[in-house]
Amino acid sequence: MYLRIVIFYLLAANLLTFVTYGVDKWKARHNRWRIPEATLLLLAALGGSIGALLAMRVFRHKTQHKKFRYGVPALLLVQLAIACVFIWGRI
């Protein structure tokens, strides 16, 4: 039961993050009001790090910013470590 909820949450979080990065890239190209970087990073931190990494590659967005280039993969590693703790009980 809980596993299904977690999987659904992670799918939704990554889809939302991917779409949000895409929208921000579109806004950047069209000189529109942008989504704050803190929001983009927060979405990645709340479970959307895979979606953020995919969006960074697909849209070529935020790839030159160090806090995204190194921060998002670091978030993914932390999230994977947390998942390992929950799955196996220890790292």
PDB file of N, CA and C in Angstrom:
ATOM      1  N   MET A   1       0.825  -1.198   0.000  1.00  0.00           N
ATOM      2  CA  MET A   1       0.000   0.000   0.000  1.00  0.00           C
ATOM      3  C   MET A   1       0.870   1.264   0.000  1.00  0.00           C
ATOM      4  N   TYR A   2       1.795   1.338   0.978  1.00  0.00           N
ATOM      5  CA  TYR A   2       2.641   2.523   1.071  1.00  0.00           C
ATOM      6  C   TYR A   2       3.561   2.643  -0.138  1.00  0.00           C
ATOM      7  N   LEU A   3       4.017   1.512  -0.642  1.00  0.00           N
ATOM      8  CA  LEU A   3       4.902   1.531  -1.795  1.00  0.00           C
ATOM      9  C   LEU A   3       4.206   2.152  -3.003  1.00  0.00           C
ATOM     10  N   ARG A   4       2.949   1.835  -3.207  1.00  0.00           N
ATOM     11  CA  ARG A   4       2.188   2.420  -4.322  1.00  0.00           C
ATOM     12  C   ARG A   4       2.061   3.927  -4.171  1.00  0.00           C
ATOM     13  N   ILE A   5       1.823   4.376  -2.952  1.00  0.00           N
ATOM     14  CA  ILE A   5       1.705   5.819  -2.699  1.00  0.00           C
ATOM     15  C   ILE A   5       3.025   6.510  -2.992  1.00  0.00           C
ATOM     16  N   VAL A   6       4.126   5.918  -2.536  1.00  0.00           N
ATOM     17  CA  VAL A   6       5.454   6.501  -2.753  1.00  0.00           C
ATOM     18  C   VAL A   6       5.773   6.537  -4.248  1.00  0.00           C
ATOM     19  N   ILE A   7       5.495   5.450  -4.953  1.00  0.00           N
ATOM     20  CA  ILE A   7       5.754   5.407  -6.397  1.00  0.00           C
ATOM     21  C   ILE A   7       4.918   6.447  -7.128  1.00  0.00           C
ATOM     22  N   PHE A   8       3.635   6.555  -6.780  1.00  0.00           N
ATOM     23  CA  PHE A   8       2.773   7.561  -7.409  1.00  0.00           C
ATOM     24  C   PHE A   8       3.296   8.969  -7.127  1.00  0.00           C
ATOM     25  N   TYR A   9       3.683   9.221  -5.873  1.00  0.00           N
ATOM     26  CA  TYR A   9       4.207  10.535  -5.512  1.00  0.00           C
ATOM     27  C   TYR A   9       5.451  10.871  -6.330  1.00  0.00           C
ATOM     28  N   LEU A  10       6.383   9.922  -6.417  1.00  0.00           N
ATOM     29  CA  LEU A  10       7.624  10.182  -7.148  1.00  0.00           C
ATOM     30  C   LEU A  10       7.374  10.396  -8.643  1.00  0.00           C
ATOM     31  N   LEU A  11       6.461   9.626  -9.216  1.00  0.00           N
ATOM     32  CA  LEU A  11       6.113   9.842 -10.630  1.00  0.00           C
ATOM     33  C   LEU A  11       5.520  11.230 -10.836  1.00  0.00           C
ATOM     34  N   ALA A  12       4.593  11.610  -9.959  1.00  0.00           N
ATOM     35  CA  ALA A  12       3.965  12.926 -10.068  1.00  0.00           C
ATOM     36  C   ALA A  12       4.981  14.050  -9.852  1.00  0.00           C
ATOM     37  N   ALA A  13       5.850  13.890  -8.844  1.00  0.00           N
ATOM     38  CA  ALA A  13       6.856  14.919  -8.549  1.00  0.00           C
ATOM     39  C   ALA A  13       7.821  15.094  -9.715  1.00  0.00           C
ATOM     40  N   ASN A  14       8.244  13.994 -10.320  1.00  0.00           N
ATOM     41  CA  ASN A  14       9.184  14.085 -11.436  1.00  0.00           C
ATOM     42  C   ASN A  14       8.522  14.637 -12.691  1.00  0.00           C
ATOM     43  N   LEU A  15       7.283  14.278 -12.935  1.00  0.00           N
ATOM     44  CA  LEU A  15       6.556  14.833 -14.083  1.00  0.00           C
ATOM     45  C   LEU A  15       6.345  16.331 -13.900  1.00  0.00           C
ATOM     46  N   LEU A  16       5.916  16.737 -12.711  1.00  0.00           N
ATOM     47  CA  LEU A  16       5.718  18.159 -12.429  1.00  0.00           C
ATOM     48  C   LEU A  16       7.023  18.931 -12.581  1.00  0.00           C
ATOM     49  N   THR A  17       8.105  18.381 -12.073  1.00  0.00           N
ATOM     50  CA  THR A  17       9.404  19.044 -12.168  1.00  0.00           C
ATOM     51  C   THR A  17       9.849  19.175 -13.619  1.00  0.00           C
ATOM     52  N   PHE A  18       9.719  18.099 -14.382  1.00  0.00           N
ATOM     53  CA  PHE A  18      10.098  18.119 -15.794  1.00  0.00           C
ATOM     54  C   PHE A  18       9.314  19.195 -16.546  1.00  0.00           C
ATOM     55  N   VAL A  19       8.016  19.226 -16.348  1.00  0.00           N
ATOM     56  CA  VAL A  19       7.162  20.208 -17.034  1.00  0.00           C
ATOM     57  C   VAL A  19       7.515  21.625 -16.593  1.00  0.00           C
ATOM     58  N   THR A  20       7.767  21.820 -15.300  1.00  0.00           N
ATOM     59  CA  THR A  20       8.092  23.150 -14.782  1.00  0.00           C
ATOM     60  C   THR A  20       9.398  23.667 -15.375  1.00  0.00           C
ATOM     61  N   TYR A  21      10.400  22.817 -15.479  1.00  0.00           N
ATOM     62  CA  TYR A  21      11.667  23.220 -16.112  1.00  0.00           C
ATOM     63  C   TYR A  21      11.423  23.571 -17.585  1.00  0.00           C
ATOM     64  N   GLY A  22      10.581  22.804 -18.262  1.00  0.00           N
ATOM     65  CA  GLY A  22      10.263  23.095 -19.661  1.00  0.00           C
ATOM     66  C   GLY A  22       9.549  24.423 -19.817  1.00  0.00           C
ATOM     67  N   VAL A  23       8.613  24.697 -18.919  1.00  0.00           N
ATOM     68  CA  VAL A  23       7.890  25.984 -18.955  1.00  0.00           C
ATOM     69  C   VAL A  23       8.864  27.127 -18.708  1.00  0.00           C
ATOM     70  N   ASP A  24       9.770  26.955 -17.747  1.00  0.00           N
ATOM     71  CA  ASP A  24      10.743  28.012 -17.466  1.00  0.00           C
ATOM     72  C   ASP A  24      11.646  28.261 -18.671  1.00  0.00           C
ATOM     73  N   LYS A  25      12.034  27.215 -19.368  1.00  0.00           N
ATOM     74  CA  LYS A  25      12.850  27.391 -20.570  1.00  0.00           C
ATOM     75  C   LYS A  25      12.067  28.157 -21.634  1.00  0.00           C
ATOM     76  N   TRP A  26      10.787  27.814 -21.793  1.00  0.00           N
ATOM     77  CA  TRP A  26       9.950  28.522 -22.764  1.00  0.00           C
ATOM     78  C   TRP A  26       9.852  30.000 -22.392  1.00  0.00           C
ATOM     79  N   LYS A  27       9.644  30.267 -21.102  1.00  0.00           N
ATOM     80  CA  LYS A  27       9.551  31.654 -20.637  1.00  0.00           C
ATOM     81  C   LYS A  27      10.869  32.397 -20.875  1.00  0.00           C
ATOM     82  N   ALA A  28      11.998  31.707 -20.701  1.00  0.00           N
ATOM     83  CA  ALA A  28      13.304  32.340 -20.924  1.00  0.00           C
ATOM     84  C   ALA A  28      13.462  32.741 -22.386  1.00  0.00           C
ATOM     85  N   ARG A  29      13.022  31.884 -23.272  1.00  0.00           N
ATOM     86  CA  ARG A  29      13.142  32.184 -24.707  1.00  0.00           C
ATOM     87  C   ARG A  29      12.221  33.312 -25.158  1.00  0.00           C
ATOM     88  N   HIS A  30      11.106  33.480 -24.459  1.00  0.00           N
ATOM     89  CA  HIS A  30      10.112  34.471 -24.868  1.00  0.00           C
ATOM     90  C   HIS A  30      10.089  35.708 -23.966  1.00  0.00           C
ATOM     91  N   ASN A  31      11.152  35.899 -23.208  1.00  0.00           N
ATOM     92  CA  ASN A  31      11.292  37.073 -22.331  1.00  0.00           C
ATOM     93  C   ASN A  31      10.076  37.284 -21.439  1.00  0.00           C
ATOM     94  N   ARG A  32       9.616  36.215 -20.836  1.00  0.00           N
ATOM     95  CA  ARG A  32       8.481  36.270 -19.913  1.00  0.00           C
ATOM     96  C   ARG A  32       8.984  36.204 -18.483  1.00  0.00           C
ATOM     97  N   TRP A  33       8.073  36.430 -17.552  1.00  0.00           N
ATOM     98  CA  TRP A  33       8.383  36.319 -16.140  1.00  0.00           C
ATOM     99  C   TRP A  33       8.777  34.890 -15.836  1.00  0.00           C
ATOM    100  N   ARG A  34       9.910  34.700 -15.159  1.00  0.00           N
ATOM    101  CA  ARG A  34      10.508  33.373 -14.961  1.00  0.00           C
ATOM    102  C   ARG A  34      10.095  32.736 -13.642  1.00  0.00           C
ATOM    103  N   ILE A  35      10.246  31.453 -13.597  1.00  0.00           N
ATOM    104  CA  ILE A  35      10.044  30.694 -12.371  1.00  0.00           C
ATOM    105  C   ILE A  35      11.319  30.833 -11.543  1.00  0.00           C
ATOM    106  N   PRO A  36      11.208  31.191 -10.265  1.00  0.00           N
ATOM    107  CA  PRO A  36      12.419  31.386  -9.453  1.00  0.00           C
ATOM    108  C   PRO A  36      13.269  30.118  -9.376  1.00  0.00           C
ATOM    109  N   GLU A  37      14.595  30.311  -9.373  1.00  0.00           N
ATOM    110  CA  GLU A  37      15.511  29.179  -9.270  1.00  0.00           C
ATOM    111  C   GLU A  37      15.267  28.386  -8.000  1.00  0.00           C
ATOM    112  N   ALA A  38      14.910  29.081  -6.916  1.00  0.00           N
ATOM    113  CA  ALA A  38      14.636  28.388  -5.656  1.00  0.00           C
ATOM    114  C   ALA A  38      13.469  27.408  -5.811  1.00  0.00           C
ATOM    115  N   THR A  39      12.480  27.765  -6.606  1.00  0.00           N
ATOM    116  CA  THR A  39      11.345  26.876  -6.848  1.00  0.00           C
ATOM    117  C   THR A  39      11.779  25.650  -7.634  1.00  0.00           C
ATOM    118  N   LEU A  40      12.601  25.870  -8.652  1.00  0.00           N
ATOM    119  CA  LEU A  40      13.089  24.748  -9.452  1.00  0.00           C
ATOM    120  C   LEU A  40      13.907  23.782  -8.603  1.00  0.00           C
ATOM    121  N   LEU A  41      14.761  24.310  -7.761  1.00  0.00           N
ATOM    122  CA  LEU A  41      15.576  23.460  -6.886  1.00  0.00           C
ATOM    123  C   LEU A  41      14.717  22.773  -5.826  1.00  0.00           C
ATOM    124  N   LEU A  42      13.707  23.464  -5.321  1.00  0.00           N
ATOM    125  CA  LEU A  42      12.824  22.865  -4.331  1.00  0.00           C
ATOM    126  C   LEU A  42      12.068  21.676  -4.917  1.00  0.00           C
ATOM    127  N   LEU A  43      11.594  21.821  -6.147  1.00  0.00           N
ATOM    128  CA  LEU A  43      10.909  20.709  -6.800  1.00  0.00           C
ATOM    129  C   LEU A  43      11.830  19.491  -6.929  1.00  0.00           C
ATOM    130  N   ALA A  44      13.076  19.744  -7.277  1.00  0.00           N
ATOM    131  CA  ALA A  44      14.045  18.646  -7.365  1.00  0.00           C
ATOM    132  C   ALA A  44      14.279  18.026  -5.993  1.00  0.00           C
ATOM    133  N   ALA A  45      14.367  18.855  -4.966  1.00  0.00           N
ATOM    134  CA  ALA A  45      14.621  18.360  -3.613  1.00  0.00           C
ATOM    135  C   ALA A  45      13.443  17.578  -3.050  1.00  0.00           C
ATOM    136  N   LEU A  46      12.249  17.890  -3.498  1.00  0.00           N
ATOM    137  CA  LEU A  46      11.055  17.202  -2.995  1.00  0.00           C
ATOM    138  C   LEU A  46      10.764  15.903  -3.735  1.00  0.00           C
ATOM    139  N   GLY A  47      11.740  15.400  -4.446  1.00  0.00           N
ATOM    140  CA  GLY A  47      11.591  14.108  -5.098  1.00  0.00           C
ATOM    141  C   GLY A  47      11.635  14.151  -6.608  1.00  0.00           C
ATOM    142  N   GLY A  48      11.799  15.333  -7.174  1.00  0.00           N
ATOM    143  CA  GLY A  48      11.787  15.463  -8.626  1.00  0.00           C
ATOM    144  C   GLY A  48      13.156  15.577  -9.259  1.00  0.00           C
ATOM    145  N   SER A  49      14.172  15.038  -8.622  1.00  0.00           N
ATOM    146  CA  SER A  49      15.534  15.203  -9.142  1.00  0.00           C
ATOM    147  C   SER A  49      15.744  14.490 -10.477  1.00  0.00           C
ATOM    148  N   ILE A  50      15.121  13.355 -10.680  1.00  0.00           N
ATOM    149  CA  ILE A  50      15.261  12.662 -11.967  1.00  0.00           C
ATOM    150  C   ILE A  50      14.589  13.478 -13.067  1.00  0.00           C
ATOM    151  N   GLY A  51      13.415  14.010 -12.780  1.00  0.00           N
ATOM    152  CA  GLY A  51      12.728  14.868 -13.743  1.00  0.00           C
ATOM    153  C   GLY A  51      13.525  16.122 -14.051  1.00  0.00           C
ATOM    154  N   ALA A  52      14.179  16.672 -13.031  1.00  0.00           N
ATOM    155  CA  ALA A  52      15.009  17.864 -13.231  1.00  0.00           C
ATOM    156  C   ALA A  52      16.201  17.544 -14.130  1.00  0.00           C
ATOM    157  N   LEU A  53      16.871  16.422 -13.863  1.00  0.00           N
ATOM    158  CA  LEU A  53      18.024  16.044 -14.686  1.00  0.00           C
ATOM    159  C   LEU A  53      17.609  15.788 -16.138  1.00  0.00           C
ATOM    160  N   LEU A  54      16.495  15.096 -16.311  1.00  0.00           N
ATOM    161  CA  LEU A  54      16.014  14.848 -17.678  1.00  0.00           C
ATOM    162  C   LEU A  54      15.666  16.154 -18.382  1.00  0.00           C
ATOM    163  N   ALA A  55      15.003  17.048 -17.679  1.00  0.00           N
ATOM    164  CA  ALA A  55      14.631  18.335 -18.271  1.00  0.00           C
ATOM    165  C   ALA A  55      15.860  19.163 -18.611  1.00  0.00           C
ATOM    166  N   MET A  56      16.865  19.120 -17.760  1.00  0.00           N
ATOM    167  CA  MET A  56      18.085  19.866 -18.035  1.00  0.00           C
ATOM    168  C   MET A  56      18.724  19.385 -19.330  1.00  0.00           C
ATOM    169  N   ARG A  57      18.650  18.100 -19.587  1.00  0.00           N
ATOM    170  CA  ARG A  57      19.226  17.558 -20.830  1.00  0.00           C
ATOM    171  C   ARG A  57      18.320  17.798 -22.029  1.00  0.00           C
ATOM    172  N   VAL A  58      17.037  17.524 -21.872  1.00  0.00           N
ATOM    173  CA  VAL A  58      16.103  17.647 -22.991  1.00  0.00           C
ATOM    174  C   VAL A  58      15.966  19.096 -23.441  1.00  0.00           C
ATOM    175  N   PHE A  59      15.797  20.009 -22.471  1.00  0.00           N
ATOM    176  CA  PHE A  59      15.574  21.420 -22.803  1.00  0.00           C
ATOM    177  C   PHE A  59      16.862  22.237 -22.821  1.00  0.00           C
ATOM    178  N   ARG A  60      17.969  21.607 -22.462  1.00  0.00           N
ATOM    179  CA  ARG A  60      19.245  22.331 -22.327  1.00  0.00           C
ATOM    180  C   ARG A  60      19.058  23.572 -21.468  1.00  0.00           C
ATOM    181  N   HIS A  61      18.527  23.331 -20.287  1.00  0.00           N
ATOM    182  CA  HIS A  61      18.145  24.427 -19.399  1.00  0.00           C
ATOM    183  C   HIS A  61      18.878  24.310 -18.070  1.00  0.00           C
ATOM    184  N   LYS A  62      19.463  25.401 -17.628  1.00  0.00           N
ATOM    185  CA  LYS A  62      20.170  25.512 -16.359  1.00  0.00           C
ATOM    186  C   LYS A  62      21.421  24.647 -16.293  1.00  0.00           C
ATOM    187  N   THR A  63      21.961  24.267 -17.408  1.00  0.00           N
ATOM    188  CA  THR A  63      23.127  23.387 -17.420  1.00  0.00           C
ATOM    189  C   THR A  63      24.429  24.122 -17.112  1.00  0.00           C
ATOM    190  N   GLN A  64      24.445  25.432 -17.224  1.00  0.00           N
ATOM    191  CA  GLN A  64      25.665  26.194 -16.959  1.00  0.00           C
ATOM    192  C   GLN A  64      25.711  26.739 -15.536  1.00  0.00           C
ATOM    193  N   HIS A  65      24.603  26.633 -14.812  1.00  0.00           N
ATOM    194  CA  HIS A  65      24.555  27.114 -13.433  1.00  0.00           C
ATOM    195  C   HIS A  65      25.095  26.019 -12.513  1.00  0.00           C
ATOM    196  N   LYS A  66      26.134  26.351 -11.745  1.00  0.00           N
ATOM    197  CA  LYS A  66      26.777  25.342 -10.900  1.00  0.00           C
ATOM    198  C   LYS A  66      25.823  24.731  -9.888  1.00  0.00           C
ATOM    199  N   LYS A  67      24.917  25.553  -9.335  1.00  0.00           N
ATOM    200  CA  LYS A  67      24.024  24.992  -8.325  1.00  0.00           C
ATOM    201  C   LYS A  67      23.053  23.990  -8.924  1.00  0.00           C
ATOM    202  N   PHE A  68      22.809  24.066 -10.227  1.00  0.00           N
ATOM    203  CA  PHE A  68      21.979  23.065 -10.888  1.00  0.00           C
ATOM    204  C   PHE A  68      22.838  21.918 -11.411  1.00  0.00           C
ATOM    205  N   ARG A  69      23.953  22.268 -12.016  1.00  0.00           N
ATOM    206  CA  ARG A  69      24.827  21.258 -12.618  1.00  0.00           C
ATOM    207  C   ARG A  69      25.350  20.247 -11.593  1.00  0.00           C
ATOM    208  N   TYR A  70      25.654  20.738 -10.396  1.00  0.00           N
ATOM    209  CA  TYR A  70      26.164  19.855  -9.346  1.00  0.00           C
ATOM    210  C   TYR A  70      25.126  19.589  -8.258  1.00  0.00           C
ATOM    211  N   GLY A  71      24.257  20.551  -8.029  1.00  0.00           N
ATOM    212  CA  GLY A  71      23.272  20.419  -6.958  1.00  0.00           C
ATOM    213  C   GLY A  71      22.206  19.376  -7.230  1.00  0.00           C
ATOM    214  N   VAL A  72      21.680  19.347  -8.448  1.00  0.00           N
ATOM    215  CA  VAL A  72      20.622  18.389  -8.767  1.00  0.00           C
ATOM    216  C   VAL A  72      21.142  16.943  -8.715  1.00  0.00           C
ATOM    217  N   PRO A  73      22.299  16.640  -9.296  1.00  0.00           N
ATOM    218  CA  PRO A  73      22.814  15.269  -9.123  1.00  0.00           C
ATOM    219  C   PRO A  73      23.094  14.927  -7.652  1.00  0.00           C
ATOM    220  N   ALA A  74      23.544  15.902  -6.875  1.00  0.00           N
ATOM    221  CA  ALA A  74      23.779  15.662  -5.448  1.00  0.00           C
ATOM    222  C   ALA A  74      22.462  15.337  -4.740  1.00  0.00           C
ATOM    223  N   LEU A  75      21.405  16.059  -5.096  1.00  0.00           N
ATOM    224  CA  LEU A  75      20.088  15.762  -4.530  1.00  0.00           C
ATOM    225  C   LEU A  75      19.652  14.342  -4.883  1.00  0.00           C
ATOM    226  N   LEU A  76      19.894  13.939  -6.113  1.00  0.00           N
ATOM    227  CA  LEU A  76      19.527  12.592  -6.537  1.00  0.00           C
ATOM    228  C   LEU A  76      20.283  11.545  -5.711  1.00  0.00           C
ATOM    229  N   LEU A  77      21.564  11.768  -5.485  1.00  0.00           N
ATOM    230  CA  LEU A  77      22.342  10.822  -4.681  1.00  0.00           C
ATOM    231  C   LEU A  77      21.815  10.731  -3.256  1.00  0.00           C
ATOM    232  N   VAL A  78      21.452  11.861  -2.687  1.00  0.00           N
ATOM    233  CA  VAL A  78      20.886  11.863  -1.331  1.00  0.00           C
ATOM    234  C   VAL A  78      19.556  11.113  -1.325  1.00  0.00           C
ATOM    235  N   GLN A  79      18.724  11.354  -2.333  1.00  0.00           N
ATOM    236  CA  GLN A  79      17.438  10.667  -2.410  1.00  0.00           C
ATOM    237  C   GLN A  79      17.615   9.166  -2.592  1.00  0.00           C
ATOM    238  N   LEU A  80      18.601   8.757  -3.374  1.00  0.00           N
ATOM    239  CA  LEU A  80      18.873   7.330  -3.539  1.00  0.00           C
ATOM    240  C   LEU A  80      19.376   6.712  -2.236  1.00  0.00           C
ATOM    241  N   ALA A  81      20.189   7.429  -1.492  1.00  0.00           N
ATOM    242  CA  ALA A  81      20.668   6.935  -0.199  1.00  0.00           C
ATOM    243  C   ALA A  81      19.501   6.761   0.772  1.00  0.00           C
ATOM    244  N   ILE A  82      18.594   7.717   0.780  1.00  0.00           N
ATOM    245  CA  ILE A  82      17.410   7.620   1.635  1.00  0.00           C
ATOM    246  C   ILE A  82      16.564   6.417   1.225  1.00  0.00           C
ATOM    247  N   ALA A  83      16.409   6.211  -0.073  1.00  0.00           N
ATOM    248  CA  ALA A  83      15.639   5.057  -0.566  1.00  0.00           C
ATOM    249  C   ALA A  83      16.300   3.756  -0.119  1.00  0.00           C
ATOM    250  N   CYS A  84      17.625   3.695  -0.178  1.00  0.00           N
ATOM    251  CA  CYS A  84      18.336   2.494   0.267  1.00  0.00           C
ATOM    252  C   CYS A  84      18.084   2.221   1.744  1.00  0.00           C
ATOM    253  N   VAL A  85      18.074   3.262   2.533  1.00  0.00           N
ATOM    254  CA  VAL A  85      17.824   3.109   3.973  1.00  0.00           C
ATOM    255  C   VAL A  85      16.432   2.529   4.194  1.00  0.00           C
ATOM    256  N   PHE A  86      15.449   3.016   3.465  1.00  0.00           N
ATOM    257  CA  PHE A  86      14.085   2.517   3.624  1.00  0.00           C
ATOM    258  C   PHE A  86      13.942   1.094   3.082  1.00  0.00           C
ATOM    259  N   ILE A  87      14.620   0.782   2.007  1.00  0.00           N
ATOM    260  CA  ILE A  87      14.468  -0.536   1.398  1.00  0.00           C
ATOM    261  C   ILE A  87      15.236  -1.598   2.176  1.00  0.00           C
ATOM    262  N   TRP A  88      16.497  -1.315   2.525  1.00  0.00           N
ATOM    263  CA  TRP A  88      17.328  -2.322   3.157  1.00  0.00           C
ATOM    264  C   TRP A  88      17.560  -2.097   4.639  1.00  0.00           C
ATOM    265  N   GLY A  89      17.113  -0.982   5.146  1.00  0.00           N
ATOM    266  CA  GLY A  89      17.258  -0.723   6.578  1.00  0.00           C
ATOM    267  C   GLY A  89      18.563  -0.081   6.982  1.00  0.00           C
ATOM    268  N   ARG A  90      19.507   0.001   6.069  1.00  0.00           N
ATOM    269  CA  ARG A  90      20.788   0.663   6.327  1.00  0.00           C
ATOM    270  C   ARG A  90      21.500   0.885   5.006  1.00  0.00           C
ATOM    271  N   ILE A  91      22.520   1.716   5.033  1.00  0.00           N
ATOM    272  CA  ILE A  91      23.280   1.989   3.809  1.00  0.00           C
ATOM    273  C   ILE A  91      24.373   0.964   3.680  1.00  0.00           C
TER     274      ILE A  91
END
